[in-house]
Protein backbone atom coordinates (compact mmCIF):
# COMPACT_ATOMS: atom_id res chain seq x y z
CA MET A 1 41.06 58.24 12.56
CA ASN A 2 41.26 59.81 9.11
CA ILE A 3 38.00 61.14 7.62
CA VAL A 4 37.73 62.62 4.12
CA LEU A 5 34.77 64.48 2.60
CA THR A 6 34.47 64.95 -1.12
CA SER A 7 32.13 65.65 -4.01
CA LEU A 8 32.19 65.45 -7.78
CA ASN A 9 31.11 68.88 -9.01
CA SER A 10 29.64 69.38 -12.47
CA LYS A 11 32.41 71.86 -13.40
CA TYR A 12 35.79 72.90 -12.03
CA ILE A 13 34.58 76.46 -11.45
CA HIS A 14 31.88 75.22 -9.03
CA SER A 15 32.30 74.60 -5.30
CA ASN A 16 30.38 72.36 -2.90
CA LEU A 17 28.70 73.97 0.09
CA ALA A 18 27.47 70.80 1.83
CA ILE A 19 30.84 69.19 2.56
CA ARG A 20 32.17 72.49 3.89
CA TYR A 21 29.24 72.75 6.30
CA LEU A 22 29.93 69.22 7.57
CA SER A 23 33.64 69.82 7.96
CA GLU A 24 33.08 73.01 9.96
CA TYR A 25 30.42 71.38 12.12
CA VAL A 26 32.85 68.78 13.48
CA LYS A 27 36.11 70.74 13.52
CA ASP A 28 36.15 70.77 17.34
CA LEU A 29 36.04 66.95 17.26
CA ILE A 30 38.46 66.17 14.45
CA GLY A 31 40.16 67.77 11.48
CA ILE A 32 38.67 66.64 8.19
CA ASP A 33 40.19 66.85 4.72
CA VAL A 34 37.89 68.28 2.05
CA PHE A 35 38.56 67.52 -1.61
CA GLU A 36 36.61 68.41 -4.73
CA PHE A 37 36.69 66.77 -8.15
CA THR A 38 34.52 67.04 -11.25
CA ILE A 39 32.37 64.49 -13.08
CA ASN A 40 34.56 65.03 -16.14
CA GLN A 41 37.62 63.57 -14.43
CA ASN A 42 38.47 59.89 -14.78
CA GLN A 43 36.99 57.81 -11.95
CA ASP A 44 40.22 55.81 -11.61
CA PHE A 45 42.11 59.06 -11.10
CA ILE A 46 39.61 60.27 -8.47
CA ALA A 47 39.74 56.97 -6.59
CA SER A 48 43.54 56.95 -6.66
CA GLU A 49 43.74 60.50 -5.28
CA ILE A 50 41.39 59.61 -2.43
CA HIS A 51 43.21 56.33 -1.74
CA LYS A 52 46.49 58.21 -1.33
CA LYS A 53 44.94 60.01 1.68
CA LYS A 54 44.42 56.64 3.41
CA PRO A 55 40.99 57.52 4.84
CA ASP A 56 39.21 55.31 7.35
CA ILE A 57 35.92 56.96 6.41
CA ILE A 58 35.12 58.67 3.12
CA GLY A 59 31.93 60.74 2.73
CA PHE A 60 30.43 61.75 -0.62
CA SER A 61 27.90 64.51 -1.35
CA THR A 62 25.52 63.17 -4.03
CA TYR A 63 23.22 64.82 -6.57
CA ILE A 64 21.51 63.76 -9.80
CA TRP A 65 24.49 64.91 -11.84
CA ASN A 66 27.13 62.93 -9.95
CA LEU A 67 25.55 59.80 -8.42
CA GLU A 68 26.60 57.32 -11.11
CA GLU A 69 30.20 58.58 -11.20
CA THR A 70 30.33 58.66 -7.39
CA LEU A 71 29.19 55.04 -7.14
CA ARG A 72 31.92 53.91 -9.54
CA VAL A 73 34.55 55.65 -7.40
CA CYS A 74 33.10 54.07 -4.26
CA GLU A 75 33.25 50.60 -5.79
CA ILE A 76 36.92 51.01 -6.69
CA LEU A 77 37.81 52.24 -3.19
CA LYS A 78 35.97 49.38 -1.49
CA GLN A 79 37.59 46.74 -3.66
CA VAL A 80 41.13 47.89 -2.96
CA ASN A 81 40.42 48.54 0.72
CA PRO A 82 37.49 46.49 2.10
CA SER A 83 37.95 48.01 5.56
CA ILE A 84 37.20 51.55 4.42
CA LYS A 85 33.79 52.87 5.50
CA ILE A 86 31.83 54.67 2.77
CA LEU A 87 29.17 57.23 3.69
CA LEU A 88 26.78 58.92 1.24
CA GLY A 89 24.57 61.94 1.83
CA GLY A 90 22.63 64.51 -0.16
CA PRO A 91 19.30 64.77 -1.97
CA GLU A 92 20.02 61.96 -4.42
CA VAL A 93 20.21 59.30 -1.70
CA SER A 94 17.77 60.71 0.86
CA TYR A 95 14.54 59.23 -0.54
CA ASP A 96 15.41 55.58 -1.23
CA PRO A 97 18.49 54.85 0.90
CA VAL A 98 17.55 51.23 1.55
CA SER A 99 17.19 50.47 -2.16
CA ILE A 100 20.60 52.03 -2.86
CA MET A 101 22.28 50.04 -0.10
CA GLU A 102 20.61 46.83 -1.29
CA THR A 103 21.87 47.43 -4.82
CA TYR A 104 25.35 48.66 -3.93
CA ARG A 105 26.84 46.45 -1.25
CA PHE A 106 29.94 48.61 -0.96
CA ILE A 107 27.98 51.47 0.67
CA ASP A 108 28.12 51.29 4.47
CA TYR A 109 26.11 54.32 5.60
CA ILE A 110 23.66 56.85 4.20
CA ILE A 111 22.63 60.08 5.88
CA TYR A 112 19.12 61.03 4.79
CA GLY A 113 17.61 64.46 5.25
CA GLU A 114 19.38 67.47 6.75
CA GLY A 115 22.86 66.22 7.50
CA GLU A 116 24.83 68.41 9.90
CA GLU A 117 23.58 67.02 13.24
CA THR A 118 23.55 63.45 11.97
CA PHE A 119 27.11 63.71 10.67
CA ARG A 120 28.38 65.20 13.93
CA GLU A 121 26.92 62.34 15.96
CA PHE A 122 28.28 59.84 13.45
CA VAL A 123 31.79 61.29 13.71
CA ASP A 124 31.64 61.53 17.49
CA LEU A 125 30.58 57.89 17.91
CA SER A 126 33.04 56.70 15.27
CA ILE A 127 35.92 58.35 17.14
CA LYS A 128 34.74 56.67 20.34
CA GLY A 129 34.45 53.30 18.58
CA ARG A 130 30.74 53.00 19.28
CA GLY A 131 27.89 51.89 16.99
CA ALA A 132 25.38 53.87 14.95
CA THR A 133 22.19 52.46 16.46
CA SER A 134 21.25 55.69 18.22
CA ILE A 135 21.83 58.18 15.39
CA ASP A 136 18.66 59.70 13.93
CA GLY A 137 18.67 60.20 10.17
CA LEU A 138 21.15 57.37 9.47
CA VAL A 139 20.83 54.17 7.47
CA TYR A 140 23.47 51.50 8.13
CA ARG A 141 24.33 47.83 7.78
CA GLU A 142 24.15 45.36 10.65
CA LYS A 143 25.42 42.00 9.47
CA ASN A 144 23.04 41.09 6.63
CA ARG A 145 20.40 43.63 7.54
CA ILE A 146 19.93 47.26 6.53
CA ILE A 147 18.68 49.38 9.41
CA THR A 148 16.89 52.72 8.96
CA ASN A 149 16.91 54.88 12.07
CA ILE A 150 14.11 57.35 12.68
CA SER A 151 14.28 60.61 10.75
CA ARG A 152 15.94 63.62 12.30
CA GLU A 153 14.14 66.81 13.22
CA LEU A 154 15.21 69.92 11.30
CA ILE A 155 17.70 72.27 12.94
CA GLU A 156 15.61 75.06 14.44
CA ASP A 157 18.46 77.56 14.79
CA LEU A 158 20.57 77.47 11.64
CA ASN A 159 23.13 79.77 13.23
CA LYS A 160 24.52 76.88 15.28
CA ILE A 161 26.06 75.62 12.01
CA PRO A 162 29.49 77.26 11.74
CA SER A 163 30.06 79.26 8.59
CA PRO A 164 32.40 77.69 6.02
CA TYR A 165 33.38 81.19 4.89
CA GLU A 166 34.80 82.59 8.13
CA LYS A 167 38.34 82.36 6.80
CA ILE A 168 39.04 82.08 3.10
CA ASN A 169 42.24 82.57 1.19
CA ASN A 170 42.37 82.26 -2.58
CA GLU A 171 40.55 78.93 -2.93
CA PHE A 172 37.43 80.60 -4.33
CA LYS A 173 39.06 83.28 -6.46
CA ASN A 174 37.30 83.48 -9.86
CA LYS A 175 35.02 80.59 -8.89
CA ILE A 176 31.29 80.21 -8.36
CA VAL A 177 30.45 79.93 -4.66
CA TYR A 178 27.11 78.53 -3.55
CA TYR A 179 25.59 80.27 -0.57
CA GLU A 180 22.35 80.15 1.39
CA SER A 181 20.78 82.73 3.64
CA SER A 182 17.71 80.57 4.27
CA ARG A 183 16.43 77.02 4.01
CA GLY A 184 12.97 75.96 2.89
CA CYS A 185 10.35 77.52 0.64
CA PRO A 186 6.97 79.14 1.30
CA PHE A 187 5.49 77.44 -1.77
CA ASN A 188 4.53 73.85 -2.54
CA CYS A 189 5.52 73.06 -6.14
CA GLN A 190 4.87 69.38 -6.78
CA PHE A 191 8.03 68.80 -8.85
CA CYS A 192 10.39 70.30 -6.28
CA LEU A 193 11.97 68.61 -3.27
CA SER A 194 11.56 71.80 -1.23
CA SER A 195 7.84 71.02 -1.09
CA THR A 196 8.63 68.08 1.21
CA ILE A 197 9.91 70.42 3.94
CA LYS A 198 7.49 72.95 5.38
CA GLY A 199 8.43 76.45 6.44
CA VAL A 200 11.38 78.77 5.90
CA ARG A 201 14.32 79.19 8.31
CA PHE A 202 16.75 82.10 8.08
CA PHE A 203 20.37 82.58 9.07
CA ASN A 204 21.20 85.61 11.22
CA ILE A 205 21.54 88.68 9.01
CA ASP A 206 24.85 89.73 10.62
CA ARG A 207 26.34 86.33 9.87
CA VAL A 208 25.22 86.62 6.24
CA LYS A 209 26.79 90.06 5.94
CA LYS A 210 30.06 88.84 7.41
CA ASP A 211 30.16 85.89 5.00
CA LEU A 212 29.43 88.09 2.01
CA TYR A 213 32.10 90.56 3.07
CA ASN A 214 34.64 87.72 3.20
CA LEU A 215 33.56 86.39 -0.20
CA ILE A 216 33.81 89.84 -1.76
CA LYS A 217 37.31 90.24 -0.34
CA GLY A 218 38.08 86.75 -1.66
CA LYS A 219 37.34 87.95 -5.23
CA VAL A 220 34.98 85.14 -6.17
CA LYS A 221 33.45 85.33 -9.63
CA GLN A 222 29.85 84.74 -8.59
CA VAL A 223 27.93 84.14 -5.38
CA LYS A 224 24.98 81.95 -6.26
CA PHE A 225 22.32 82.02 -3.56
CA ILE A 226 20.57 78.65 -3.36
CA ASP A 227 17.63 80.00 -1.35
CA ARG A 228 14.54 78.56 -3.03
CA THR A 229 12.75 81.94 -2.76
CA PHE A 230 15.27 84.63 -1.87
CA ASN A 231 12.61 87.33 -1.52
CA ALA A 232 10.31 85.29 0.74
CA ASN A 233 11.08 87.91 3.43
CA LYS A 234 11.27 91.28 1.69
CA ARG A 235 13.04 93.22 4.46
CA TYR A 236 15.63 90.50 4.93
CA ALA A 237 16.30 90.31 1.18
CA MET A 238 16.55 94.08 0.82
CA GLU A 239 19.01 94.34 3.70
CA ILE A 240 21.25 91.71 2.10
CA MET A 241 21.15 93.40 -1.30
CA GLN A 242 21.76 96.83 0.22
CA PHE A 243 24.80 95.48 2.04
CA ILE A 244 26.18 94.10 -1.23
CA MET A 245 25.53 97.42 -2.96
CA ASP A 246 27.32 99.30 -0.19
CA GLN A 247 30.42 97.11 -0.65
CA ASP A 248 30.44 98.02 -4.36
CA PRO A 249 32.29 94.85 -5.48
CA ARG A 250 34.05 94.90 -8.85
CA ASN A 251 33.75 92.22 -11.53
CA MET A 252 31.48 90.17 -9.30
CA ASN A 253 27.92 88.96 -9.65
CA PHE A 254 25.24 87.78 -7.20
CA HIS A 255 22.59 85.34 -8.40
CA PHE A 256 19.19 85.03 -6.68
CA GLU A 257 16.12 82.89 -7.28
CA VAL A 258 13.18 85.24 -6.81
CA THR A 259 9.42 85.03 -7.10
CA ALA A 260 8.17 87.83 -9.35
CA HIS A 261 4.75 88.44 -7.84
CA LEU A 262 6.37 89.11 -4.42
CA LEU A 263 8.35 92.05 -5.86
CA ASP A 264 6.23 95.01 -4.79
CA GLU A 265 6.57 98.69 -5.68
CA GLU A 266 9.02 99.45 -2.86
CA LEU A 267 11.35 96.63 -3.86
CA LEU A 268 11.13 97.50 -7.55
CA GLU A 269 12.08 101.09 -6.82
CA PHE A 270 14.96 99.84 -4.72
CA LEU A 271 16.21 97.64 -7.58
CA SER A 272 16.20 100.53 -10.03
CA ASN A 273 19.30 101.92 -8.29
CA THR A 274 21.53 98.84 -8.43
CA LYS A 275 24.76 98.85 -10.40
CA GLU A 276 24.55 97.20 -13.78
CA GLY A 277 25.61 93.56 -13.71
CA LEU A 278 25.77 93.29 -9.91
CA PHE A 279 22.58 91.23 -9.51
CA GLN A 280 21.15 88.42 -11.57
CA PHE A 281 17.60 87.09 -11.06
CA GLU A 282 16.32 83.62 -11.87
CA ILE A 283 12.53 83.61 -12.11
CA GLY A 284 10.71 80.31 -12.44
CA VAL A 285 7.72 80.78 -14.74
CA GLN A 286 7.48 77.07 -15.66
CA SER A 287 4.25 77.60 -17.64
CA THR A 288 1.60 80.23 -18.35
CA ASN A 289 -1.15 77.59 -18.51
CA GLU A 290 -3.33 78.19 -15.46
CA LYS A 291 -4.56 74.57 -15.28
CA THR A 292 -0.95 73.37 -15.37
CA LEU A 293 0.10 75.79 -12.63
CA GLN A 294 -2.79 74.68 -10.46
CA ALA A 295 -1.93 71.00 -10.96
CA ILE A 296 1.67 71.48 -9.83
CA GLY A 297 0.76 73.73 -6.91
CA ARG A 298 2.63 76.65 -8.44
CA THR A 299 1.61 80.02 -6.99
CA THR A 300 2.06 82.44 -9.88
CA ASN A 301 0.29 85.63 -10.91
CA ILE A 302 1.18 85.69 -14.62
CA PRO A 303 -0.01 89.26 -15.37
CA LYS A 304 1.93 90.54 -12.34
CA LEU A 305 4.97 88.51 -13.38
CA LYS A 306 4.93 90.07 -16.84
CA GLU A 307 4.61 93.54 -15.36
CA VAL A 308 7.50 92.99 -12.93
CA VAL A 309 9.82 91.45 -15.52
CA GLY A 310 9.11 94.32 -17.90
CA ARG A 311 9.77 96.87 -15.19
CA ILE A 312 13.12 95.33 -14.27
CA LYS A 313 13.99 95.00 -17.95
CA SER A 314 13.51 98.75 -18.35
CA TYR A 315 16.21 99.41 -15.73
CA GLU A 316 18.87 97.71 -17.91
CA ASN A 317 20.86 96.80 -14.81
CA ILE A 318 19.77 93.28 -13.79
CA HIS A 319 20.04 90.15 -15.91
CA GLN A 320 16.86 88.08 -15.73
CA HIS A 321 16.79 84.34 -16.36
CA LEU A 322 13.26 83.01 -16.95
CA ASP A 323 12.58 79.28 -16.71
CA LEU A 324 10.09 77.13 -18.61
CA ILE A 325 9.59 73.41 -17.99
CA ALA A 326 8.36 71.07 -20.73
CA GLY A 327 6.44 67.96 -19.69
CA LEU A 328 4.19 69.38 -16.98
CA PRO A 329 0.61 68.14 -16.52
CA TYR A 330 -2.01 69.46 -18.97
CA GLU A 331 0.62 71.23 -21.10
CA ASP A 332 0.51 69.79 -24.63
CA LEU A 333 2.68 71.10 -27.45
CA GLU A 334 0.24 73.84 -28.43
CA SER A 335 -0.02 75.01 -24.83
CA PHE A 336 3.77 74.97 -24.50
CA LYS A 337 4.12 77.06 -27.67
CA LYS A 338 1.87 79.65 -26.04
CA SER A 339 3.93 79.63 -22.83
CA PHE A 340 7.12 79.87 -24.87
CA ASN A 341 5.91 82.86 -26.88
CA GLU A 342 4.63 84.72 -23.84
CA VAL A 343 7.92 84.32 -21.97
CA TYR A 344 10.06 85.01 -25.05
CA GLU A 345 8.24 88.28 -25.65
CA LEU A 346 9.35 89.42 -22.19
CA LYS A 347 12.90 89.45 -23.63
CA PRO A 348 14.78 87.98 -20.66
CA GLU A 349 18.56 87.95 -20.90
CA LYS A 350 18.36 84.17 -20.70
CA LEU A 351 15.48 81.80 -21.46
CA GLN A 352 16.06 78.46 -19.78
CA LEU A 353 14.00 75.76 -21.44
CA GLY A 354 14.16 72.77 -19.15
CA PHE A 355 12.51 69.35 -19.13
CA LEU A 356 10.60 67.93 -16.20
CA LYS A 357 12.59 65.64 -13.93
CA LEU A 358 10.62 63.33 -11.66
CA LEU A 359 12.91 63.63 -8.66
CA LYS A 360 12.87 61.03 -5.93
CA GLY A 361 10.59 62.15 -3.12
CA SER A 362 8.68 64.73 -5.18
CA ASP A 363 4.88 64.62 -5.12
CA LEU A 364 4.69 64.65 -8.92
CA ARG A 365 6.77 61.47 -9.07
CA LEU A 366 4.58 59.81 -6.46
CA ASN A 367 1.52 60.68 -8.59
CA SER A 368 3.14 60.01 -11.96
CA ASP A 369 0.56 57.39 -13.00
CA ILE A 370 -2.21 60.00 -12.92
CA TYR A 371 -0.63 61.87 -15.82
CA GLY A 372 0.75 58.86 -17.70
CA TYR A 373 4.40 59.72 -17.20
CA LYS A 374 7.09 57.61 -18.83
CA TYR A 375 10.62 58.26 -17.66
CA ILE A 376 13.93 56.52 -17.13
CA ASP A 377 14.31 55.62 -13.46
CA SER A 378 17.94 56.73 -13.22
CA PRO A 379 19.54 60.18 -13.04
CA PRO A 380 18.45 62.69 -14.18
CA TYR A 381 14.94 61.07 -14.18
CA GLU A 382 13.85 63.16 -17.14
CA VAL A 383 10.35 62.67 -18.56
CA LEU A 384 10.10 60.96 -21.96
CA GLU A 385 6.38 61.55 -22.53
CA ASN A 386 3.04 61.80 -20.75
CA ASN A 387 -0.67 61.99 -21.56
CA TYR A 388 -0.18 65.41 -23.15
CA MET A 389 3.19 65.31 -24.89
CA THR A 390 4.61 62.52 -27.02
CA TYR A 391 8.26 61.60 -27.19
CA SER A 392 8.30 63.17 -30.68
CA ASP A 393 7.09 66.46 -29.15
CA ILE A 394 9.86 66.29 -26.55
CA ILE A 395 12.45 65.69 -29.29
CA ILE A 396 11.30 68.83 -31.11
CA LEU A 397 11.54 70.87 -27.92
CA LYS A 398 15.01 69.45 -27.25
CA GLY A 399 16.09 70.81 -30.63
CA ILE A 400 14.55 74.20 -29.91
CA GLU A 401 16.25 74.24 -26.50
CA ASP A 402 19.57 73.73 -28.28
CA LEU A 403 18.91 76.63 -30.66
CA ILE A 404 17.79 78.88 -27.80
CA GLU A 405 21.03 78.14 -25.98
CA LYS A 406 23.13 78.76 -29.08
CA TYR A 407 21.34 81.75 -30.58
CA TYR A 408 19.24 83.51 -27.93
CA ASN A 409 20.99 83.14 -24.59
CA GLY A 410 23.97 85.43 -24.39
CA ASN A 411 22.43 88.06 -26.72
CA TYR A 412 25.01 87.35 -29.44
CA PHE A 413 22.31 87.49 -32.16
CA LYS A 414 19.83 89.80 -30.46
CA HIS A 415 19.04 92.26 -33.25
CA THR A 416 19.24 89.84 -36.14
CA LEU A 417 16.75 87.51 -34.45
CA GLY A 418 14.58 90.46 -33.47
CA PHE A 419 14.39 91.61 -37.11
CA ILE A 420 13.72 88.13 -38.52
CA ILE A 421 10.96 87.27 -36.04
CA LYS A 422 9.34 90.70 -36.32
CA ASN A 423 9.20 90.75 -40.12
CA TYR A 424 8.89 87.13 -41.27
CA TYR A 425 7.11 85.11 -38.57
CA LYS A 426 3.88 85.24 -36.60
CA ASN A 427 5.63 84.49 -33.31
CA PRO A 428 9.04 83.44 -31.92
CA TYR A 429 8.21 79.74 -31.68
CA GLU A 430 7.33 79.62 -35.37
CA PHE A 431 10.80 80.93 -36.24
CA TYR A 432 12.65 78.46 -34.04
CA GLU A 433 10.57 75.58 -35.38
CA ASP A 434 11.38 76.63 -38.95
CA PHE A 435 15.08 77.15 -38.17
CA LEU A 436 15.20 73.75 -36.44
CA SER A 437 13.88 72.04 -39.57
CA TYR A 438 16.68 73.62 -41.61
CA TRP A 439 19.25 72.89 -38.90
CA ASN A 440 18.37 69.19 -38.78
CA HIS A 441 18.13 68.89 -42.57
CA LYS A 442 21.69 70.20 -42.85
CA GLY A 443 22.86 67.81 -40.13
CA TYR A 444 24.10 70.67 -37.95
CA HIS A 445 22.75 68.93 -34.85
CA LYS A 446 25.38 66.20 -35.26
CA VAL A 447 28.49 68.37 -34.85
CA LEU A 448 29.87 71.13 -32.64
CA HIS A 449 30.02 74.69 -33.95
CA SER A 450 32.14 77.70 -33.04
CA ARG A 451 30.26 80.92 -32.40
CA ASN A 452 31.66 82.38 -35.63
CA ARG A 453 30.21 79.40 -37.45
CA LEU A 454 26.80 80.11 -35.90
CA TYR A 455 26.78 83.56 -37.48
CA THR A 456 27.55 82.05 -40.87
CA ILE A 457 24.79 79.43 -40.50
CA LEU A 458 22.21 82.10 -39.66
CA LYS A 459 23.31 84.07 -42.72
CA GLN A 460 22.97 80.97 -44.90
CA PHE A 461 19.54 80.22 -43.44
CA SER A 462 18.39 83.77 -44.27
CA GLU A 463 19.58 83.33 -47.85
CA TYR A 464 17.94 79.90 -48.08
CA LYS A 465 14.63 81.43 -46.96
CA ASP A 466 15.14 84.20 -49.53
CA TYR A 467 14.11 86.85 -47.02
CA SER A 468 13.56 90.32 -48.39
CA HIS A 469 15.98 93.00 -47.14
CA ILE A 470 18.79 90.45 -47.10
CA GLU A 471 21.49 93.14 -47.15
CA LEU A 472 19.85 94.83 -44.19
CA LEU A 473 19.85 91.49 -42.39
CA ASN A 474 23.54 91.06 -43.14
CA ASN A 475 24.23 94.51 -41.71
CA LEU A 476 22.35 93.59 -38.53
CA LEU A 477 24.24 90.31 -38.27
CA ASN A 478 27.53 92.15 -38.64
CA TYR A 479 26.41 94.67 -36.02
CA ASP A 480 25.52 91.86 -33.58
CA TYR A 481 28.92 90.30 -34.20
CA LEU A 482 30.81 93.52 -33.54
CA LEU A 483 28.85 94.17 -30.34
CA ASN A 484 30.32 90.97 -28.94
CA ASN A 485 33.72 90.65 -30.61
CA LYS A 486 36.19 93.45 -30.10
CA ASN A 487 39.02 91.84 -32.00
CA GLY A 488 37.19 89.38 -34.23
CA ASN A 489 36.57 89.55 -37.96
CA LEU A 490 33.76 87.83 -39.80
CA LYS A 491 33.14 88.12 -43.54
CA LEU A 492 29.39 88.65 -43.61
CA LEU A 493 29.08 91.47 -46.15
CA PRO A 494 30.25 91.46 -49.75
CA ASN A 495 32.67 94.34 -49.27
CA ASP A 496 33.82 93.56 -45.74
CA LYS A 497 37.45 94.19 -46.54
CA HIS A 498 36.68 97.84 -47.27
CA ARG A 499 34.41 98.49 -44.30
CA GLY A 500 36.85 99.54 -41.61
CA LEU A 501 38.61 102.87 -41.42
CA SER A 502 42.38 102.96 -41.52
CA ARG A 503 44.22 103.08 -38.21
CA ARG A 504 45.38 106.61 -39.08
CA HIS A 505 41.78 107.75 -39.61
CA ILE A 506 40.65 106.18 -36.33
CA HIS A 507 43.59 107.80 -34.55
CA ASP A 508 42.48 111.22 -35.86
CA ILE A 509 38.84 110.61 -34.92
CA LEU A 510 39.75 109.70 -31.33
CA LYS A 511 41.61 112.97 -30.92
CA ASP A 512 38.44 114.89 -31.72
CA GLU A 513 37.15 116.73 -28.64
CA THR A 514 33.50 116.19 -29.61
CA ILE A 515 33.97 112.42 -29.69
CA LEU A 516 35.72 112.43 -26.33
CA GLU A 517 33.24 114.75 -24.63
CA ARG A 518 30.08 113.16 -26.01
CA TYR A 519 30.86 109.44 -26.10
CA LEU A 520 34.20 108.61 -24.47
CA ASN A 521 34.42 111.01 -21.56
CA ARG A 522 35.77 108.37 -19.17
CA TYR A 523 38.72 107.93 -21.58
CA LYS A 524 39.45 111.64 -21.79
CA ASN A 525 42.86 111.34 -20.16
CA THR A 526 43.72 108.06 -21.89
CA PRO A 527 46.46 108.22 -24.55
CA THR A 528 45.04 107.74 -28.04
CA LYS A 529 47.38 104.82 -28.70
CA THR A 530 45.80 103.05 -25.72
CA LEU A 531 42.22 104.08 -26.47
CA ILE A 532 42.41 102.81 -30.04
CA ASN A 533 42.64 99.26 -28.66
CA LYS A 534 39.51 99.64 -26.55
CA ILE A 535 37.08 100.66 -29.29
CA ARG A 536 36.14 99.88 -32.89
CA ILE A 537 34.72 102.10 -35.60
CA GLU A 538 32.96 100.36 -38.49
CA LYS A 539 31.02 101.41 -41.56
CA PHE A 540 27.50 100.09 -42.30
CA ASP A 541 25.34 100.37 -45.42
CA LYS A 542 22.20 101.08 -43.39
CA ASN A 543 21.18 103.24 -40.47
CA ILE A 544 21.37 100.30 -38.08
CA LEU A 545 20.65 102.16 -34.85
CA ASP A 546 17.52 103.81 -36.25
CA ILE A 547 16.24 100.44 -37.45
CA ILE A 548 16.78 98.94 -33.99
CA ASN A 549 15.24 101.89 -32.17
CA ASN A 550 12.19 101.83 -34.47
CA GLY A 551 11.31 98.25 -33.61
CA TYR A 552 13.13 96.63 -36.55
CA LYS A 553 11.10 98.41 -39.21
CA PRO A 554 12.90 97.61 -42.50
CA VAL A 555 14.30 100.27 -44.80
CA SER A 556 15.64 99.75 -48.31
CA GLU A 557 17.51 102.95 -49.13
CA GLU A 558 21.28 103.14 -48.80
CA ASN A 559 22.36 105.19 -45.82
CA ASN A 560 26.00 104.68 -44.92
CA ARG A 561 26.71 105.12 -41.24
CA TYR A 562 29.80 104.93 -39.01
CA ILE A 563 29.31 103.22 -35.64
CA LEU A 564 31.69 103.49 -32.69
CA PHE A 565 31.77 100.43 -30.41
CA ASP A 566 32.93 101.03 -26.83
CA TYR A 567 33.68 97.65 -25.20
CA LYS A 568 34.18 99.07 -21.69
CA ASP A 569 37.03 96.72 -20.79
CA GLY A 570 37.05 95.13 -17.36
CA GLN A 571 33.45 95.91 -16.46
CA ILE A 572 30.41 93.67 -16.19
CA THR A 573 28.35 95.49 -18.76
CA ARG A 574 27.24 95.47 -22.35
CA CYS A 575 29.13 97.04 -25.23
CA LEU A 576 27.90 100.52 -26.12
CA ALA A 577 27.41 101.65 -29.72
CA TYR A 578 27.19 105.23 -31.01
CA ASP A 579 26.44 106.67 -34.43
CA ILE A 580 29.31 109.10 -35.15
CA THR A 581 28.66 109.44 -38.89
CA GLU A 582 28.46 113.23 -39.07
CA ILE A 583 31.67 113.71 -37.09
CA VAL A 584 33.53 111.14 -39.17
CA ARG A 585 32.44 112.74 -42.44
CA GLU A 586 33.77 116.09 -41.29
CA LEU A 587 37.11 114.58 -40.30
CA ILE A 588 37.78 112.41 -43.35
């Protein structure tokens, strides 16, 4: 018997954890081929690649982002080989399996709920040529009927599931690996599927450490923990993070979903010592409207959250991603603006503005009539409007989400945006709303833009608004550009072609002992001809660093400055900028 497991990932860089669990869980029974594709690949190509393996049974891992593409592949496979047995599993088919099997006659089996034990029994009985009538957690066809077996109890001891990361070669190198150290969530958010399963179960800490050691040695790009609340158990979380810190991995990042109000003083002090770029936190704020939070069962202490986020921000070593969700109960546009401004002012490295999805099985979907929800009943089940937000409101927020992704996330325009919002608008939302009006009027929402083009558009918008201190703004925009582009050139200032120093001048500057001792000590033994390719020195009309450090207070007088940009090649860190004006003036 030939069994194949597969999934259509959202991107090539991603990997699927579920099918690897299943494969490992039955490896003593049968060897299973695991293949991964992406939703961007042609479905005919995917089906042909699977067909070449001549499987008797093909299992697919399904999610909101891949269900439609998966079903098209399944239909092709069934048409060309009616004898093949097609099995689906995953969150996207667990809550209405009968409806799916009634609609799609080419699906033979669906595993609903936690899948490892159910899949093992299914494989065991399939090998023995026996039926599926006794398998808990399975839906199957019997002649013209669809049979739903009783649900399966959760696995009490997660450690009985073999690790898929015991032996890895180079298959995950430079990829994102999804990992879990626990299952379940201590909270009961009404929009989340985790609320349907009570309690939290943990894997053995030694197993987790062994897996992480293997992944570090495997040189993966990022380990993304899918634990719904990584810091639900503080001691457990700290031990995992300490282990990672002790390994001191290079060019590698670990992503955790954490709950801010559970980060106490001990844990905050602990985090202050982590290496820059090693950890990344995703913190779900969702809303700052207390009535909204109460309606969705969200346990959040907003004042404590703000304090914690600010504290971590001050360490400058951990990227924080803060999430907002538009379309929640009792949150109209004015309320959302308030939530947006409060979260934006916390200055997270990434602000994720999402839109409510009424997932199958979630309590909010079951109670959707209470709040007047209108949504398309197909993936991704995103809300169109409700009693509090119109579709027009949602459209506006979609545009602002796009601008946030283009201009805020990634910090490519950090200081320019900081100056504009500080000096010309009452709050951040007001700026983005104004910018969106200009953006749509110009038709920029209809086409793709390079990042260089985004700088030019922001410059043009500033000129269109006739902001005061326009030359200062252009200096800040140029500064932002140089912070993020070691080798790029962008003509933002009238005399750009005269701004840089000659290569000979830069060569002389980099030989200066003061420069090396004060700013570039780690390059002290690096040949100048090599160092010159790792830094940039540029001239500005204004004292940019003073303006930034003084909270973007504008100045009008000319004050030429020379800034050295150290890009710190090969490290997960930000570019560093130093004012070396006095030294440069002495040398040239």
